[in-house]
Amino acid sequence: MTTQNPIEVARETLKQLSLRKLLPTPENFERVYHELAQIPIERDSKLAVQLLRALETLLKLPALPHARH
């Protein structure tokens, strides 16, 4: 894309989503927007970062005693 105007890139992104028959999800929009603007996408998705933080927090918690039936 020749222009780096964010509004034009966003418009073209919506057109591309439609042409590619992709749902306009935040993930698809982000991927196509970055592709058109030639901006590298961060490798770590927000969800992955949140899941890793949650796992790290869980690993720091003391173990629960086993329930006896």
PDB file of N, CA and C in Angstrom:
ATOM      1  N   MET A   1       0.861  -1.175   0.000  1.00  0.00           N
ATOM      2  CA  MET A   1       0.000   0.000   0.000  1.00  0.00           C
ATOM      3  C   MET A   1       0.903   1.231   0.000  1.00  0.00           C
ATOM      4  N   THR A   2       0.545   2.208  -0.798  1.00  0.00           N
ATOM      5  CA  THR A   2       1.403   3.377  -0.960  1.00  0.00           C
ATOM      6  C   THR A   2       1.218   4.416   0.139  1.00  0.00           C
ATOM      7  N   THR A   3       0.057   4.492   0.733  1.00  0.00           N
ATOM      8  CA  THR A   3      -0.195   5.495   1.764  1.00  0.00           C
ATOM      9  C   THR A   3      -0.061   4.876   3.150  1.00  0.00           C
ATOM     10  N   GLN A   4       0.360   5.667   4.110  1.00  0.00           N
ATOM     11  CA  GLN A   4       0.429   5.195   5.487  1.00  0.00           C
ATOM     12  C   GLN A   4      -0.612   5.912   6.348  1.00  0.00           C
ATOM     13  N   ASN A   5      -1.577   6.579   5.701  1.00  0.00           N
ATOM     14  CA  ASN A   5      -2.655   7.231   6.422  1.00  0.00           C
ATOM     15  C   ASN A   5      -3.477   6.141   7.125  1.00  0.00           C
ATOM     16  N   PRO A   6      -3.539   6.163   8.457  1.00  0.00           N
ATOM     17  CA  PRO A   6      -4.242   5.094   9.189  1.00  0.00           C
ATOM     18  C   PRO A   6      -5.700   4.902   8.767  1.00  0.00           C
ATOM     19  N   ILE A   7      -6.377   5.976   8.411  1.00  0.00           N
ATOM     20  CA  ILE A   7      -7.781   5.857   7.990  1.00  0.00           C
ATOM     21  C   ILE A   7      -7.881   5.109   6.665  1.00  0.00           C
ATOM     22  N   GLU A   8      -6.988   5.427   5.739  1.00  0.00           N
ATOM     23  CA  GLU A   8      -6.995   4.736   4.443  1.00  0.00           C
ATOM     24  C   GLU A   8      -6.616   3.266   4.610  1.00  0.00           C
ATOM     25  N   VAL A   9      -5.661   2.999   5.478  1.00  0.00           N
ATOM     26  CA  VAL A   9      -5.263   1.612   5.727  1.00  0.00           C
ATOM     27  C   VAL A   9      -6.438   0.847   6.341  1.00  0.00           C
ATOM     28  N   ALA A  10      -7.165   1.468   7.259  1.00  0.00           N
ATOM     29  CA  ALA A  10      -8.321   0.823   7.888  1.00  0.00           C
ATOM     30  C   ALA A  10      -9.405   0.531   6.852  1.00  0.00           C
ATOM     31  N   ARG A  11      -9.651   1.467   5.966  1.00  0.00           N
ATOM     32  CA  ARG A  11     -10.655   1.249   4.903  1.00  0.00           C
ATOM     33  C   ARG A  11     -10.246   0.081   4.014  1.00  0.00           C
ATOM     34  N   GLU A  12      -8.983   0.084   3.603  1.00  0.00           N
ATOM     35  CA  GLU A  12      -8.496  -0.991   2.745  1.00  0.00           C
ATOM     36  C   GLU A  12      -8.520  -2.328   3.483  1.00  0.00           C
ATOM     37  N   THR A  13      -8.267  -2.287   4.778  1.00  0.00           N
ATOM     38  CA  THR A  13      -8.327  -3.507   5.582  1.00  0.00           C
ATOM     39  C   THR A  13      -9.725  -4.103   5.538  1.00  0.00           C
ATOM     40  N   LEU A  14     -10.741  -3.269   5.719  1.00  0.00           N
ATOM     41  CA  LEU A  14     -12.129  -3.761   5.664  1.00  0.00           C
ATOM     42  C   LEU A  14     -12.453  -4.333   4.283  1.00  0.00           C
ATOM     43  N   LYS A  15     -11.976  -3.680   3.239  1.00  0.00           N
ATOM     44  CA  LYS A  15     -12.195  -4.193   1.883  1.00  0.00           C
ATOM     45  C   LYS A  15     -11.533  -5.560   1.722  1.00  0.00           C
ATOM     46  N   GLN A  16     -10.298  -5.675   2.205  1.00  0.00           N
ATOM     47  CA  GLN A  16      -9.566  -6.933   2.075  1.00  0.00           C
ATOM     48  C   GLN A  16     -10.224  -8.060   2.872  1.00  0.00           C
ATOM     49  N   LEU A  17     -10.718  -7.734   4.053  1.00  0.00           N
ATOM     50  CA  LEU A  17     -11.422  -8.747   4.837  1.00  0.00           C
ATOM     51  C   LEU A  17     -12.608  -9.295   4.053  1.00  0.00           C
ATOM     52  N   SER A  18     -13.334  -8.404   3.408  1.00  0.00           N
ATOM     53  CA  SER A  18     -14.488  -8.807   2.617  1.00  0.00           C
ATOM     54  C   SER A  18     -14.058  -9.638   1.405  1.00  0.00           C
ATOM     55  N   LEU A  19     -13.049  -9.163   0.686  1.00  0.00           N
ATOM     56  CA  LEU A  19     -12.567  -9.881  -0.499  1.00  0.00           C
ATOM     57  C   LEU A  19     -12.046 -11.267  -0.143  1.00  0.00           C
ATOM     58  N   ARG A  20     -11.389 -11.371   1.004  1.00  0.00           N
ATOM     59  CA  ARG A  20     -10.814 -12.651   1.435  1.00  0.00           C
ATOM     60  C   ARG A  20     -11.834 -13.527   2.168  1.00  0.00           C
ATOM     61  N   LYS A  21     -13.039 -12.988   2.296  1.00  0.00           N
ATOM     62  CA  LYS A  21     -14.132 -13.701   2.981  1.00  0.00           C
ATOM     63  C   LYS A  21     -13.734 -14.094   4.403  1.00  0.00           C
ATOM     64  N   LEU A  22     -13.098 -13.146   5.093  1.00  0.00           N
ATOM     65  CA  LEU A  22     -12.717 -13.335   6.488  1.00  0.00           C
ATOM     66  C   LEU A  22     -13.688 -12.577   7.381  1.00  0.00           C
ATOM     67  N   LEU A  23     -13.995 -13.144   8.516  1.00  0.00           N
ATOM     68  CA  LEU A  23     -14.835 -12.437   9.476  1.00  0.00           C
ATOM     69  C   LEU A  23     -14.075 -11.228  10.004  1.00  0.00           C
ATOM     70  N   PRO A  24     -14.778 -10.131  10.263  1.00  0.00           N
ATOM     71  CA  PRO A  24     -14.094  -8.924  10.760  1.00  0.00           C
ATOM     72  C   PRO A  24     -13.813  -8.998  12.264  1.00  0.00           C
ATOM     73  N   THR A  25     -13.099 -10.031  12.673  1.00  0.00           N
ATOM     74  CA  THR A  25     -12.732 -10.169  14.082  1.00  0.00           C
ATOM     75  C   THR A  25     -11.550  -9.244  14.382  1.00  0.00           C
ATOM     76  N   PRO A  26     -11.343  -8.907  15.630  1.00  0.00           N
ATOM     77  CA  PRO A  26     -10.172  -8.070  15.964  1.00  0.00           C
ATOM     78  C   PRO A  26      -8.858  -8.701  15.497  1.00  0.00           C
ATOM     79  N   GLU A  27      -8.751 -10.024  15.605  1.00  0.00           N
ATOM     80  CA  GLU A  27      -7.516 -10.704  15.200  1.00  0.00           C
ATOM     81  C   GLU A  27      -7.298 -10.599  13.694  1.00  0.00           C
ATOM     82  N   ASN A  28      -8.354 -10.848  12.905  1.00  0.00           N
ATOM     83  CA  ASN A  28      -8.234 -10.740  11.447  1.00  0.00           C
ATOM     84  C   ASN A  28      -7.950  -9.307  11.026  1.00  0.00           C
ATOM     85  N   PHE A  29      -8.638  -8.355  11.646  1.00  0.00           N
ATOM     86  CA  PHE A  29      -8.415  -6.951  11.308  1.00  0.00           C
ATOM     87  C   PHE A  29      -6.964  -6.573  11.587  1.00  0.00           C
ATOM     88  N   GLU A  30      -6.485  -6.947  12.758  1.00  0.00           N
ATOM     89  CA  GLU A  30      -5.108  -6.614  13.133  1.00  0.00           C
ATOM     90  C   GLU A  30      -4.100  -7.211  12.152  1.00  0.00           C
ATOM     91  N   ARG A  31      -4.309  -8.482  11.806  1.00  0.00           N
ATOM     92  CA  ARG A  31      -3.372  -9.169  10.910  1.00  0.00           C
ATOM     93  C   ARG A  31      -3.329  -8.503   9.535  1.00  0.00           C
ATOM     94  N   VAL A  32      -4.504  -8.237   8.956  1.00  0.00           N
ATOM     95  CA  VAL A  32      -4.555  -7.636   7.615  1.00  0.00           C
ATOM     96  C   VAL A  32      -4.077  -6.188   7.657  1.00  0.00           C
ATOM     97  N   TYR A  33      -4.454  -5.442   8.699  1.00  0.00           N
ATOM     98  CA  TYR A  33      -4.022  -4.049   8.834  1.00  0.00           C
ATOM     99  C   TYR A  33      -2.493  -3.973   8.848  1.00  0.00           C
ATOM    100  N   HIS A  34      -1.886  -4.812   9.661  1.00  0.00           N
ATOM    101  CA  HIS A  34      -0.426  -4.809   9.756  1.00  0.00           C
ATOM    102  C   HIS A  34       0.222  -5.236   8.438  1.00  0.00           C
ATOM    103  N   GLU A  35      -0.407  -6.187   7.777  1.00  0.00           N
ATOM    104  CA  GLU A  35       0.100  -6.620   6.471  1.00  0.00           C
ATOM    105  C   GLU A  35       0.088  -5.460   5.478  1.00  0.00           C
ATOM    106  N   LEU A  36      -1.022  -4.739   5.404  1.00  0.00           N
ATOM    107  CA  LEU A  36      -1.149  -3.628   4.453  1.00  0.00           C
ATOM    108  C   LEU A  36      -0.240  -2.454   4.819  1.00  0.00           C
ATOM    109  N   ALA A  37      -0.133  -2.172   6.099  1.00  0.00           N
ATOM    110  CA  ALA A  37       0.686  -1.049   6.543  1.00  0.00           C
ATOM    111  C   ALA A  37       2.169  -1.424   6.608  1.00  0.00           C
ATOM    112  N   GLN A  38       2.448  -2.703   6.381  1.00  0.00           N
ATOM    113  CA  GLN A  38       3.814  -3.223   6.437  1.00  0.00           C
ATOM    114  C   GLN A  38       4.455  -2.946   7.793  1.00  0.00           C
ATOM    115  N   ILE A  39       3.663  -3.213   8.827  1.00  0.00           N
ATOM    116  CA  ILE A  39       4.104  -3.068  10.210  1.00  0.00           C
ATOM    117  C   ILE A  39       4.204  -4.477  10.779  1.00  0.00           C
ATOM    118  N   PRO A  40       5.350  -4.827  11.355  1.00  0.00           N
ATOM    119  CA  PRO A  40       5.426  -6.179  11.928  1.00  0.00           C
ATOM    120  C   PRO A  40       4.459  -6.348  13.087  1.00  0.00           C
ATOM    121  N   ILE A  41       3.868  -7.517  13.139  1.00  0.00           N
ATOM    122  CA  ILE A  41       2.936  -7.846  14.224  1.00  0.00           C
ATOM    123  C   ILE A  41       3.750  -8.405  15.381  1.00  0.00           C
ATOM    124  N   GLU A  42       3.366  -8.052  16.588  1.00  0.00           N
ATOM    125  CA  GLU A  42       4.032  -8.615  17.751  1.00  0.00           C
ATOM    126  C   GLU A  42       3.743 -10.106  17.791  1.00  0.00           C
ATOM    127  N   ARG A  43       4.748 -10.877  18.075  1.00  0.00           N
ATOM    128  CA  ARG A  43       4.591 -12.329  18.101  1.00  0.00           C
ATOM    129  C   ARG A  43       3.669 -12.786  19.222  1.00  0.00           C
ATOM    130  N   ASP A  44       3.761 -12.150  20.378  1.00  0.00           N
ATOM    131  CA  ASP A  44       2.942 -12.559  21.518  1.00  0.00           C
ATOM    132  C   ASP A  44       1.573 -11.912  21.424  1.00  0.00           C
ATOM    133  N   SER A  45       0.562 -12.733  21.310  1.00  0.00           N
ATOM    134  CA  SER A  45      -0.789 -12.190  21.307  1.00  0.00           C
ATOM    135  C   SER A  45      -1.161 -11.802  22.731  1.00  0.00           C
ATOM    136  N   LYS A  46      -2.105 -10.915  22.855  1.00  0.00           N
ATOM    137  CA  LYS A  46      -2.541 -10.465  24.179  1.00  0.00           C
ATOM    138  C   LYS A  46      -3.097 -11.620  25.000  1.00  0.00           C
ATOM    139  N   LEU A  47      -3.829 -12.510  24.351  1.00  0.00           N
ATOM    140  CA  LEU A  47      -4.399 -13.648  25.056  1.00  0.00           C
ATOM    141  C   LEU A  47      -3.290 -14.565  25.564  1.00  0.00           C
ATOM    142  N   ALA A  48      -2.289 -14.813  24.735  1.00  0.00           N
ATOM    143  CA  ALA A  48      -1.184 -15.678  25.153  1.00  0.00           C
ATOM    144  C   ALA A  48      -0.453 -15.086  26.352  1.00  0.00           C
ATOM    145  N   VAL A  49      -0.230 -13.784  26.332  1.00  0.00           N
ATOM    146  CA  VAL A  49       0.441 -13.126  27.452  1.00  0.00           C
ATOM    147  C   VAL A  49      -0.394 -13.262  28.723  1.00  0.00           C
ATOM    148  N   GLN A  50      -1.697 -13.051  28.616  1.00  0.00           N
ATOM    149  CA  GLN A  50      -2.571 -13.178  29.783  1.00  0.00           C
ATOM    150  C   GLN A  50      -2.575 -14.605  30.323  1.00  0.00           C
ATOM    151  N   LEU A  51      -2.606 -15.589  29.434  1.00  0.00           N
ATOM    152  CA  LEU A  51      -2.596 -16.983  29.865  1.00  0.00           C
ATOM    153  C   LEU A  51      -1.289 -17.339  30.563  1.00  0.00           C
ATOM    154  N   LEU A  52      -0.176 -16.858  30.038  1.00  0.00           N
ATOM    155  CA  LEU A  52       1.114 -17.125  30.673  1.00  0.00           C
ATOM    156  C   LEU A  52       1.193 -16.490  32.056  1.00  0.00           C
ATOM    157  N   ARG A  53       0.692 -15.278  32.187  1.00  0.00           N
ATOM    158  CA  ARG A  53       0.683 -14.617  33.503  1.00  0.00           C
ATOM    159  C   ARG A  53      -0.188 -15.387  34.491  1.00  0.00           C
ATOM    160  N   ALA A  54      -1.341 -15.859  34.034  1.00  0.00           N
ATOM    161  CA  ALA A  54      -2.227 -16.625  34.904  1.00  0.00           C
ATOM    162  C   ALA A  54      -1.551 -17.919  35.341  1.00  0.00           C
ATOM    163  N   LEU A  55      -0.876 -18.588  34.420  1.00  0.00           N
ATOM    164  CA  LEU A  55      -0.178 -19.824  34.748  1.00  0.00           C
ATOM    165  C   LEU A  55       0.940 -19.570  35.750  1.00  0.00           C
ATOM    166  N   GLU A  56       1.707 -18.509  35.541  1.00  0.00           N
ATOM    167  CA  GLU A  56       2.777 -18.160  36.472  1.00  0.00           C
ATOM    168  C   GLU A  56       2.215 -17.895  37.866  1.00  0.00           C
ATOM    169  N   THR A  57       1.081 -17.215  37.932  1.00  0.00           N
ATOM    170  CA  THR A  57       0.444 -16.922  39.217  1.00  0.00           C
ATOM    171  C   THR A  57      -0.004 -18.213  39.890  1.00  0.00           C
ATOM    172  N   LEU A  58      -0.609 -19.114  39.126  1.00  0.00           N
ATOM    173  CA  LEU A  58      -1.069 -20.388  39.686  1.00  0.00           C
ATOM    174  C   LEU A  58       0.097 -21.220  40.215  1.00  0.00           C
ATOM    175  N   LEU A  59       1.212 -21.191  39.516  1.00  0.00           N
ATOM    176  CA  LEU A  59       2.373 -21.971  39.941  1.00  0.00           C
ATOM    177  C   LEU A  59       2.972 -21.447  41.247  1.00  0.00           C
ATOM    178  N   LYS A  60       2.735 -20.188  41.552  1.00  0.00           N
ATOM    179  CA  LYS A  60       3.259 -19.582  42.778  1.00  0.00           C
ATOM    180  C   LYS A  60       2.365 -19.860  43.987  1.00  0.00           C
ATOM    181  N   LEU A  61       1.126 -20.292  43.750  1.00  0.00           N
ATOM    182  CA  LEU A  61       0.194 -20.552  44.850  1.00  0.00           C
ATOM    183  C   LEU A  61       0.571 -21.836  45.570  1.00  0.00           C
ATOM    184  N   PRO A  62       0.321 -21.886  46.878  1.00  0.00           N
ATOM    185  CA  PRO A  62       0.594 -23.133  47.598  1.00  0.00           C
ATOM    186  C   PRO A  62      -0.339 -24.237  47.104  1.00  0.00           C
ATOM    187  N   ALA A  63       0.162 -25.453  47.153  1.00  0.00           N
ATOM    188  CA  ALA A  63      -0.633 -26.603  46.695  1.00  0.00           C
ATOM    189  C   ALA A  63      -1.822 -26.811  47.622  1.00  0.00           C
ATOM    190  N   LEU A  64      -2.951 -27.181  47.054  1.00  0.00           N
ATOM    191  CA  LEU A  64      -4.151 -27.471  47.828  1.00  0.00           C
ATOM    192  C   LEU A  64      -4.061 -28.901  48.356  1.00  0.00           C
ATOM    193  N   PRO A  65      -4.526 -29.136  49.577  1.00  0.00           N
ATOM    194  CA  PRO A  65      -4.531 -30.508  50.093  1.00  0.00           C
ATOM    195  C   PRO A  65      -5.483 -31.376  49.258  1.00  0.00           C
ATOM    196  N   HIS A  66      -5.129 -32.626  49.068  1.00  0.00           N
ATOM    197  CA  HIS A  66      -5.970 -33.523  48.278  1.00  0.00           C
ATOM    198  C   HIS A  66      -7.269 -33.803  49.035  1.00  0.00           C
ATOM    199  N   ALA A  67      -8.356 -33.765  48.315  1.00  0.00           N
ATOM    200  CA  ALA A  67      -9.662 -34.049  48.919  1.00  0.00           C
ATOM    201  C   ALA A  67      -9.781 -35.546  49.129  1.00  0.00           C
ATOM    202  N   ARG A  68     -10.261 -35.931  50.278  1.00  0.00           N
ATOM    203  CA  ARG A  68     -10.435 -37.364  50.589  1.00  0.00           C
ATOM    204  C   ARG A  68     -11.920 -37.688  50.555  1.00  0.00           C
ATOM    205  N   HIS A  69     -12.237 -38.742  49.877  1.00  0.00           N
ATOM    206  CA  HIS A  69     -13.653 -39.143  49.757  1.00  0.00           C
ATOM    207  C   HIS A  69     -13.941 -40.309  50.626  1.00  0.00           C
TER     208      HIS A  69
END
